[in-house]
Amino acid sequence: MPQQPEHSQQSAPQQPSAYDAEPYSGGDPYADYRPADPAFGHLVDLADRRLGGAVIAANDEFFAERENLLRTEPAVFDPAAFGHKGKVMDGWETRRRRGAGPQRPHPGAGDHDWALVRLGAPGVVHGLVVDTAHFRGNHPAKVSVQAAAVPGNPSPDELLSDGVTWHELLPPTPVFGHAANAFEVRDGRRWTHLRLCQHPDGGIARFRVHGEVLPDPEWLALLGTYDVAAMLNGALVEDASDRFFSHPGNISLPGGSRKMDEGWEVRRRRDDGHDWVRLRTVAEAAFRAVEIDTANYKGNAAGWVALHGSSDGGRSWRELLPRTALQPDDVHRFVLPEPAEVTHVRLDVLPDGGVARLRLHGGLTERGEAELRRRYAEAAGE
């Protein structure tokens, strides 16, 4: 069942109407929103549009387009916005299903709508968030999610063919309206595509797929040198001292940062401490080339940075780059005197400020490549 916020009932309601939210009565549309803080929330959203995720097909999107599901920002609500097809909603919303006729006006037991999601970063799914923000009495009664592992670039028709096997990650399960419904997934396999189903119909604002990126070791070996700090290559920002203005995970996103909230910025310090962010590579890696990008941070860039590495899971650290001054809105490139073999890196920001991207160019060590190949084979069921 979805995780329940503290102010909700501890046990699941029995009546379907109990999952509805109260009608919007004015003011802040999020005032009565039921949030979730799942244990897996710090993991990468494998379906993130910025990583290449996409909703490639849906059987119905009459009221609101399927692409809204993967928008990175929270869903918005304008109570006065109506279009030719009805209320304008920021999400994916299908028309109301009907039964076969006047004697059977209700949808059949198995009737449902579906959307196919291509993961931008294939990997192991640890949790799902089905967010029904602003869908109060028009959210689905239940949702379910299936997963498939299909190499290459399959079309929707190919994914829906009899040749593709779909595995159930979440059976049909009730969801609350105007709420972030979080579900833990205990499945160690690597997936490339998901199918989100709503039973029998309704609207979902956002869909998040939190998990562990598991890149193809053959592809990485062909690349030779790549960014071992990149999310798409399996790196994970594990923790940071502060995330006041923006998420620290942004430093490992692909591409450049176009504005300040696309990097990592901390609040202004009023003490003699400093801020830091800790990142884990997909397996043991070695690198010499370091890029630290302060794009769009002009009066608030970090003053100095230092880089430390760990090869024992973060229990001990050694200095890789001493305290070094940064310039605002610039890309800084450093060459280490020798390859740094690490499983973790820590970037210290002194005393505070913003960093847009951290890039560490190198590759896996022999031990790291063997470890990734082992995990990849296990997740593929080999």
Protein backbone atom coordinates (compact mmCIF):
# COMPACT_ATOMS: atom_id res chain seq x y z
CA MET A 1 0.00 0.00 0.00
CA PRO A 2 1.12 3.59 -0.46
CA GLN A 3 2.93 5.12 2.45
CA GLN A 4 0.51 7.03 4.61
CA PRO A 5 1.25 10.55 5.83
CA GLU A 6 1.14 10.99 9.59
CA HIS A 7 -2.23 12.72 9.58
CA SER A 8 -3.96 9.94 7.60
CA GLN A 9 -5.43 6.65 8.73
CA GLN A 10 -2.89 3.98 9.64
CA SER A 11 -4.84 1.23 7.88
CA ALA A 12 -6.06 1.36 4.31
CA PRO A 13 -9.65 2.61 3.91
CA GLN A 14 -12.22 0.08 2.80
CA GLN A 15 -14.50 2.43 0.85
CA PRO A 16 -13.15 3.64 -2.52
CA SER A 17 -14.48 7.15 -1.85
CA ALA A 18 -12.16 7.37 1.18
CA TYR A 19 -9.25 7.72 -1.24
CA ASP A 20 -10.70 10.95 -2.67
CA ALA A 21 -9.54 14.37 -1.56
CA GLU A 22 -11.85 17.23 -0.63
CA PRO A 23 -12.87 19.50 -3.52
CA TYR A 24 -10.66 22.53 -4.04
CA SER A 25 -12.04 25.37 -1.92
CA GLY A 26 -9.59 28.15 -2.75
CA GLY A 27 -6.24 29.39 -1.55
CA ASP A 28 -3.08 27.32 -1.77
CA PRO A 29 -3.92 24.27 -3.92
CA TYR A 30 -1.23 22.29 -2.09
CA ALA A 31 -2.53 23.11 1.40
CA ASP A 32 -4.25 19.72 1.80
CA TYR A 33 -1.81 17.76 -0.34
CA ARG A 34 -0.64 14.45 1.16
CA PRO A 35 3.15 14.24 0.66
CA ALA A 36 5.44 11.26 1.00
CA ASP A 37 9.02 10.98 2.22
CA PRO A 38 10.01 7.46 1.17
CA ALA A 39 13.33 5.92 2.17
CA PHE A 40 14.20 5.51 -1.51
CA GLY A 41 13.57 9.18 -2.36
CA HIS A 42 17.28 10.05 -2.53
CA LEU A 43 17.87 7.62 -5.37
CA VAL A 44 18.02 8.65 -9.01
CA ASP A 45 14.74 9.02 -10.89
CA LEU A 46 15.44 6.56 -13.70
CA ALA A 47 12.61 8.05 -15.78
CA ASP A 48 13.87 11.64 -15.44
CA ARG A 49 13.33 13.50 -18.68
CA ARG A 50 16.75 15.11 -18.25
CA LEU A 51 18.31 11.65 -18.45
CA GLY A 52 16.38 10.79 -21.60
CA GLY A 53 13.22 9.34 -20.08
CA ALA A 54 10.02 9.60 -22.13
CA VAL A 55 6.39 8.52 -22.20
CA ILE A 56 6.41 7.00 -25.66
CA ALA A 57 2.76 5.92 -25.95
CA ALA A 58 -0.58 5.82 -24.14
CA ASN A 59 -3.89 4.30 -25.07
CA ASP A 60 -5.79 7.48 -24.14
CA GLU A 61 -4.86 11.06 -23.22
CA PHE A 62 -8.14 12.82 -23.93
CA PHE A 63 -8.01 15.40 -21.14
CA ALA A 64 -4.27 15.81 -20.51
CA GLU A 65 -1.13 14.70 -22.34
CA ARG A 66 0.94 11.73 -21.26
CA GLU A 67 4.20 13.72 -21.49
CA ASN A 68 3.26 15.67 -18.35
CA LEU A 69 3.98 12.59 -16.25
CA LEU A 70 7.75 13.12 -16.39
CA ARG A 71 7.93 16.89 -16.00
CA THR A 72 10.50 17.66 -13.31
CA GLU A 73 8.62 20.49 -11.60
CA PRO A 74 5.62 19.95 -9.29
CA ALA A 75 2.22 19.96 -10.97
CA VAL A 76 0.44 23.31 -11.12
CA PHE A 77 -3.28 24.00 -10.80
CA ASP A 78 -5.31 26.88 -12.19
CA PRO A 79 -8.94 26.60 -11.02
CA ALA A 80 -10.14 28.89 -13.82
CA ALA A 81 -8.39 27.07 -16.69
CA PHE A 82 -10.84 25.23 -18.96
CA GLY A 83 -10.36 24.19 -22.57
CA HIS A 84 -12.48 22.71 -25.32
CA LYS A 85 -12.29 19.25 -23.71
CA GLY A 86 -12.83 20.32 -20.11
CA LYS A 87 -10.66 21.22 -17.14
CA VAL A 88 -7.02 21.85 -18.00
CA MET A 89 -4.89 19.58 -15.81
CA ASP A 90 -1.13 19.27 -15.43
CA GLY A 91 -0.76 15.51 -15.70
CA TRP A 92 -1.96 12.54 -17.72
CA GLU A 93 -5.75 12.21 -17.70
CA THR A 94 -7.94 9.83 -19.66
CA ARG A 95 -11.65 9.99 -20.40
CA ARG A 96 -14.19 8.19 -18.22
CA ARG A 97 -14.61 4.55 -19.14
CA ARG A 98 -18.07 3.10 -19.68
CA GLY A 99 -19.46 -0.42 -19.71
CA ALA A 100 -20.97 -2.42 -22.53
CA GLY A 101 -24.49 -0.98 -22.32
CA PRO A 102 -27.39 0.13 -20.10
CA GLN A 103 -27.51 -3.22 -18.35
CA ARG A 104 -23.75 -3.08 -17.71
CA PRO A 105 -22.90 0.65 -17.47
CA HIS A 106 -19.76 0.20 -15.39
CA PRO A 107 -16.30 -0.66 -16.75
CA GLY A 108 -15.31 -4.30 -16.67
CA ALA A 109 -13.09 -5.69 -13.93
CA GLY A 110 -10.02 -5.71 -16.14
CA ASP A 111 -10.56 -2.43 -17.97
CA HIS A 112 -7.70 0.03 -17.58
CA ASP A 113 -5.64 2.70 -19.31
CA TRP A 114 -1.90 2.50 -19.82
CA ALA A 115 1.19 4.55 -20.63
CA LEU A 116 4.56 3.21 -21.78
CA VAL A 117 7.59 4.82 -20.12
CA ARG A 118 11.11 4.49 -21.48
CA LEU A 119 13.65 4.83 -18.71
CA GLY A 120 16.32 7.40 -19.48
CA ALA A 121 18.74 5.44 -17.33
CA PRO A 122 18.02 1.69 -17.28
CA GLY A 123 18.58 0.14 -13.90
CA VAL A 124 17.19 -1.55 -10.81
CA VAL A 125 13.94 -0.05 -9.50
CA HIS A 126 13.72 0.42 -5.73
CA GLY A 127 10.62 2.57 -5.46
CA LEU A 128 7.77 4.25 -7.33
CA VAL A 129 5.90 7.48 -6.68
CA VAL A 130 2.51 7.90 -8.33
CA ASP A 131 1.63 11.52 -7.66
CA THR A 132 -2.02 12.48 -8.09
CA ALA A 133 -1.57 16.17 -7.20
CA HIS A 134 -4.76 18.15 -7.98
CA PHE A 135 -6.61 15.01 -9.08
CA ARG A 136 -9.05 14.92 -6.18
CA GLY A 137 -12.08 12.95 -7.32
CA ASN A 138 -10.80 12.02 -10.75
CA HIS A 139 -7.70 10.01 -9.87
CA PRO A 140 -7.63 6.27 -10.68
CA ALA A 141 -9.13 3.83 -8.22
CA LYS A 142 -6.00 1.69 -8.50
CA VAL A 143 -2.67 1.72 -10.28
CA SER A 144 -0.33 -1.06 -11.35
CA VAL A 145 3.13 -1.09 -12.89
CA GLN A 146 4.84 -3.68 -15.06
CA ALA A 147 8.46 -3.71 -16.28
CA ALA A 148 10.34 -5.09 -19.27
CA ALA A 149 13.97 -5.31 -20.36
CA VAL A 150 14.25 -4.75 -24.10
CA PRO A 151 17.58 -3.78 -25.70
CA GLY A 152 17.98 -1.19 -28.41
CA ASN A 153 15.25 1.29 -29.34
CA PRO A 154 11.99 -0.65 -29.52
CA SER A 155 8.87 1.04 -30.87
CA PRO A 156 5.59 1.03 -28.92
CA ASP A 157 4.24 -1.67 -31.24
CA GLU A 158 7.28 -3.84 -30.57
CA LEU A 159 6.93 -3.36 -26.80
CA LEU A 160 3.26 -4.36 -26.94
CA SER A 161 3.89 -7.41 -29.09
CA ASP A 162 3.64 -10.97 -27.85
CA GLY A 163 7.40 -11.27 -27.99
CA VAL A 164 7.94 -9.01 -24.97
CA THR A 165 7.48 -10.35 -21.44
CA TRP A 166 6.24 -7.88 -18.81
CA HIS A 167 6.90 -8.49 -15.12
CA GLU A 168 4.72 -7.09 -12.37
CA LEU A 169 6.42 -4.59 -10.05
CA LEU A 170 3.20 -3.33 -8.46
CA PRO A 171 -0.12 -5.20 -8.56
CA PRO A 172 -3.36 -3.17 -8.86
CA THR A 173 -3.29 -1.08 -5.68
CA PRO A 174 -5.55 1.76 -4.43
CA VAL A 175 -4.14 5.29 -4.49
CA PHE A 176 -5.14 8.50 -2.74
CA GLY A 177 -6.26 11.55 -4.66
CA HIS A 178 -4.16 14.74 -4.42
CA ALA A 179 -1.31 12.79 -2.85
CA ALA A 180 2.16 11.41 -3.47
CA ASN A 181 1.59 7.66 -3.33
CA ALA A 182 4.90 5.91 -2.65
CA PHE A 183 5.54 2.21 -3.16
CA GLU A 184 8.68 0.29 -2.30
CA VAL A 185 9.81 -2.23 -4.92
CA ARG A 186 11.83 -5.29 -3.99
CA ASP A 187 13.15 -6.47 -7.32
CA GLY A 188 16.82 -6.81 -8.21
CA ARG A 189 16.48 -6.98 -11.98
CA ARG A 190 17.52 -4.34 -14.53
CA TRP A 191 14.69 -2.78 -16.55
CA THR A 192 14.53 -0.50 -19.60
CA HIS A 193 10.76 0.19 -19.87
CA LEU A 194 7.77 0.42 -17.53
CA ARG A 195 4.05 0.29 -18.18
CA LEU A 196 1.96 2.45 -15.85
CA CYS A 197 -1.69 1.40 -15.68
CA GLN A 198 -4.63 3.18 -14.08
CA HIS A 199 -7.71 1.17 -13.21
CA PRO A 200 -10.15 1.82 -14.71
CA ASP A 201 -9.32 5.41 -15.77
CA GLY A 202 -8.49 8.83 -14.33
CA GLY A 203 -5.59 11.21 -13.90
CA ILE A 204 -2.01 11.05 -12.59
CA ALA A 205 0.10 14.20 -12.29
CA ARG A 206 3.64 12.82 -12.04
CA PHE A 207 5.39 9.45 -12.12
CA ARG A 208 8.79 8.92 -10.48
CA VAL A 209 10.89 5.76 -10.76
CA HIS A 210 13.61 5.78 -8.10
CA GLY A 211 16.41 3.30 -8.36
CA GLU A 212 19.99 2.41 -9.09
CA VAL A 213 21.40 3.20 -12.52
CA LEU A 214 23.11 0.13 -13.95
CA PRO A 215 24.99 1.03 -17.14
CA ASP A 216 26.01 -1.55 -19.72
CA PRO A 217 29.65 -2.47 -18.95
CA GLU A 218 30.28 -3.32 -22.61
CA TRP A 219 29.30 0.21 -23.62
CA LEU A 220 31.50 1.79 -20.98
CA ALA A 221 34.43 -0.38 -22.06
CA LEU A 222 33.97 0.80 -25.65
CA LEU A 223 33.95 4.44 -24.54
CA GLY A 224 37.25 4.02 -22.73
CA THR A 225 37.28 7.43 -21.03
CA TYR A 226 34.05 8.97 -19.74
CA ASP A 227 32.63 10.91 -16.82
CA VAL A 228 32.61 8.54 -13.84
CA ALA A 229 30.68 11.17 -11.83
CA ALA A 230 27.76 11.19 -14.30
CA MET A 231 24.37 9.91 -13.25
CA LEU A 232 23.95 8.15 -16.59
CA ASN A 233 27.14 6.21 -15.88
CA GLY A 234 25.83 4.96 -12.54
CA ALA A 235 27.15 7.62 -10.15
CA LEU A 236 24.95 8.55 -7.20
CA VAL A 237 25.07 11.67 -5.03
CA GLU A 238 24.62 10.05 -1.63
CA ASP A 239 24.50 13.07 0.66
CA ALA A 240 25.28 16.77 1.05
CA SER A 241 25.59 19.24 3.90
CA ASP A 242 22.87 21.51 2.51
CA ARG A 243 20.25 21.46 -0.25
CA PHE A 244 18.44 24.70 0.52
CA PHE A 245 18.20 26.22 -2.96
CA SER A 246 18.60 23.16 -5.20
CA HIS A 247 19.27 19.45 -5.16
CA PRO A 248 22.91 18.29 -4.91
CA GLY A 249 22.22 15.50 -7.40
CA ASN A 250 22.12 18.17 -10.10
CA ILE A 251 25.92 18.22 -10.22
CA SER A 252 25.90 14.85 -12.00
CA LEU A 253 23.17 15.55 -14.55
CA PRO A 254 24.06 15.39 -18.25
CA GLY A 255 24.67 18.54 -20.27
CA GLY A 256 25.21 22.05 -19.02
CA SER A 257 23.29 24.03 -16.44
CA ARG A 258 21.14 26.76 -18.01
CA LYS A 259 20.10 28.53 -14.81
CA MET A 260 20.93 28.52 -11.12
CA ASP A 261 18.37 25.97 -9.99
CA GLU A 262 19.85 23.41 -12.39
CA GLY A 263 23.02 23.21 -10.30
CA TRP A 264 23.65 22.79 -6.57
CA GLU A 265 23.45 25.91 -4.40
CA VAL A 266 23.53 26.10 -0.61
CA ARG A 267 22.34 28.85 1.69
CA ARG A 268 24.71 31.58 2.89
CA ARG A 269 26.79 30.45 5.84
CA ARG A 270 27.04 32.61 8.94
CA ASP A 271 29.63 30.49 10.71
CA ASP A 272 33.20 29.30 10.09
CA GLY A 273 32.25 25.94 8.56
CA HIS A 274 31.96 24.82 4.94
CA ASP A 275 29.63 22.77 2.75
CA TRP A 276 30.22 19.46 1.00
CA VAL A 277 28.66 16.90 -1.32
CA ARG A 278 29.50 13.17 -1.41
CA LEU A 279 29.24 11.05 -4.54
CA ARG A 280 29.60 7.31 -5.16
CA THR A 281 30.84 5.94 -8.48
CA VAL A 282 29.14 2.88 -9.98
CA ALA A 283 32.19 0.78 -9.06
CA GLU A 284 35.84 1.43 -8.32
CA ALA A 285 37.05 4.02 -10.82
CA ALA A 286 40.26 5.85 -11.73
CA PHE A 287 40.45 9.42 -13.07
CA ARG A 288 42.94 12.25 -13.55
CA ALA A 289 40.90 14.95 -15.32
CA VAL A 290 38.54 17.04 -13.17
CA GLU A 291 36.00 19.64 -14.32
CA ILE A 292 34.19 21.97 -11.91
CA ASP A 293 31.59 24.15 -13.60
CA THR A 294 30.11 27.25 -11.92
CA ALA A 295 27.80 28.16 -14.83
CA ASN A 296 25.26 30.87 -13.96
CA TYR A 297 26.65 31.36 -10.45
CA LYS A 298 27.98 34.91 -10.70
CA GLY A 299 27.72 36.55 -7.29
CA ASN A 300 27.15 33.30 -5.48
CA ALA A 301 29.69 30.82 -6.88
CA ALA A 302 31.75 28.79 -4.43
CA GLY A 303 34.87 30.73 -3.40
CA TRP A 304 37.17 27.71 -3.13
CA VAL A 305 36.80 23.96 -3.50
CA ALA A 306 38.77 20.91 -2.42
CA LEU A 307 38.34 17.37 -3.69
CA HIS A 308 38.88 14.23 -1.60
CA GLY A 309 38.65 10.57 -2.54
CA SER A 310 37.94 7.33 -0.71
CA SER A 311 38.52 3.74 -1.74
CA ASP A 312 36.93 2.15 1.34
CA GLY A 313 33.34 3.32 1.08
CA GLY A 314 33.89 6.73 2.67
CA ARG A 315 35.45 5.56 5.92
CA SER A 316 38.73 7.36 5.21
CA TRP A 317 39.60 10.18 2.83
CA ARG A 318 42.69 11.45 1.03
CA GLU A 319 43.20 14.80 -0.65
CA LEU A 320 43.06 14.78 -4.44
CA LEU A 321 42.78 18.50 -5.14
CA PRO A 322 43.84 21.05 -2.49
CA ARG A 323 41.81 24.15 -1.74
CA THR A 324 41.59 25.94 -5.06
CA ALA A 325 39.95 29.25 -5.97
CA LEU A 326 37.05 29.26 -8.43
CA GLN A 327 35.82 31.96 -10.79
CA PRO A 328 32.15 32.79 -11.23
CA ASP A 329 30.27 31.41 -14.23
CA ASP A 330 33.21 29.43 -15.61
CA VAL A 331 34.46 25.92 -16.35
CA HIS A 332 37.56 24.96 -14.37
CA ARG A 333 39.78 22.08 -15.52
CA PHE A 334 42.37 20.37 -13.35
CA VAL A 335 44.78 17.51 -14.01
CA LEU A 336 45.70 15.33 -11.06
CA PRO A 337 49.37 14.31 -10.76
CA GLU A 338 48.40 10.62 -10.91
CA PRO A 339 45.20 8.62 -11.40
CA ALA A 340 42.95 8.61 -8.36
CA GLU A 341 41.41 5.20 -7.68
CA VAL A 342 38.19 5.72 -5.71
CA THR A 343 34.74 4.42 -4.92
CA HIS A 344 33.65 7.77 -3.44
CA VAL A 345 34.55 11.43 -3.89
CA ARG A 346 33.75 14.41 -1.67
CA LEU A 347 33.69 17.95 -3.00
CA ASP A 348 34.15 20.58 -0.29
CA VAL A 349 32.77 24.06 -0.98
CA LEU A 350 34.34 26.89 0.96
CA PRO A 351 32.71 28.64 2.61
CA ASP A 352 29.44 28.19 0.66
CA GLY A 353 27.91 28.94 -2.73
CA GLY A 354 26.99 27.14 -5.92
CA VAL A 355 28.50 24.51 -8.22
CA ALA A 356 26.71 23.59 -11.43
CA ARG A 357 28.50 20.39 -12.47
CA LEU A 358 31.28 18.08 -11.30
CA ARG A 359 32.89 15.89 -13.97
CA LEU A 360 35.56 13.27 -13.36
CA HIS A 361 36.97 11.87 -16.59
CA GLY A 362 38.41 8.38 -16.44
CA GLY A 363 37.11 4.82 -16.32
CA LEU A 364 36.66 1.78 -14.14
CA THR A 365 39.62 -0.03 -12.68
CA GLU A 366 40.04 -3.70 -13.52
CA ARG A 367 38.45 -4.58 -10.18
CA GLY A 368 35.64 -2.08 -10.73
CA GLU A 369 34.85 -3.39 -14.21
CA ALA A 370 34.68 -6.96 -12.89
CA GLU A 371 32.30 -5.86 -10.13
CA LEU A 372 30.01 -4.00 -12.56
CA ARG A 373 29.94 -6.97 -14.95
CA ARG A 374 28.97 -9.26 -12.10
CA ARG A 375 26.13 -6.99 -10.97
CA TYR A 376 24.94 -6.44 -14.52
CA ALA A 377 24.78 -10.19 -15.17
CA GLU A 378 22.87 -10.80 -11.93
CA ALA A 379 20.36 -8.04 -12.72
CA ALA A 380 19.83 -9.49 -16.20
CA GLY A 381 19.16 -12.92 -14.72
CA GLU A 382 22.19 -14.46 -16.37
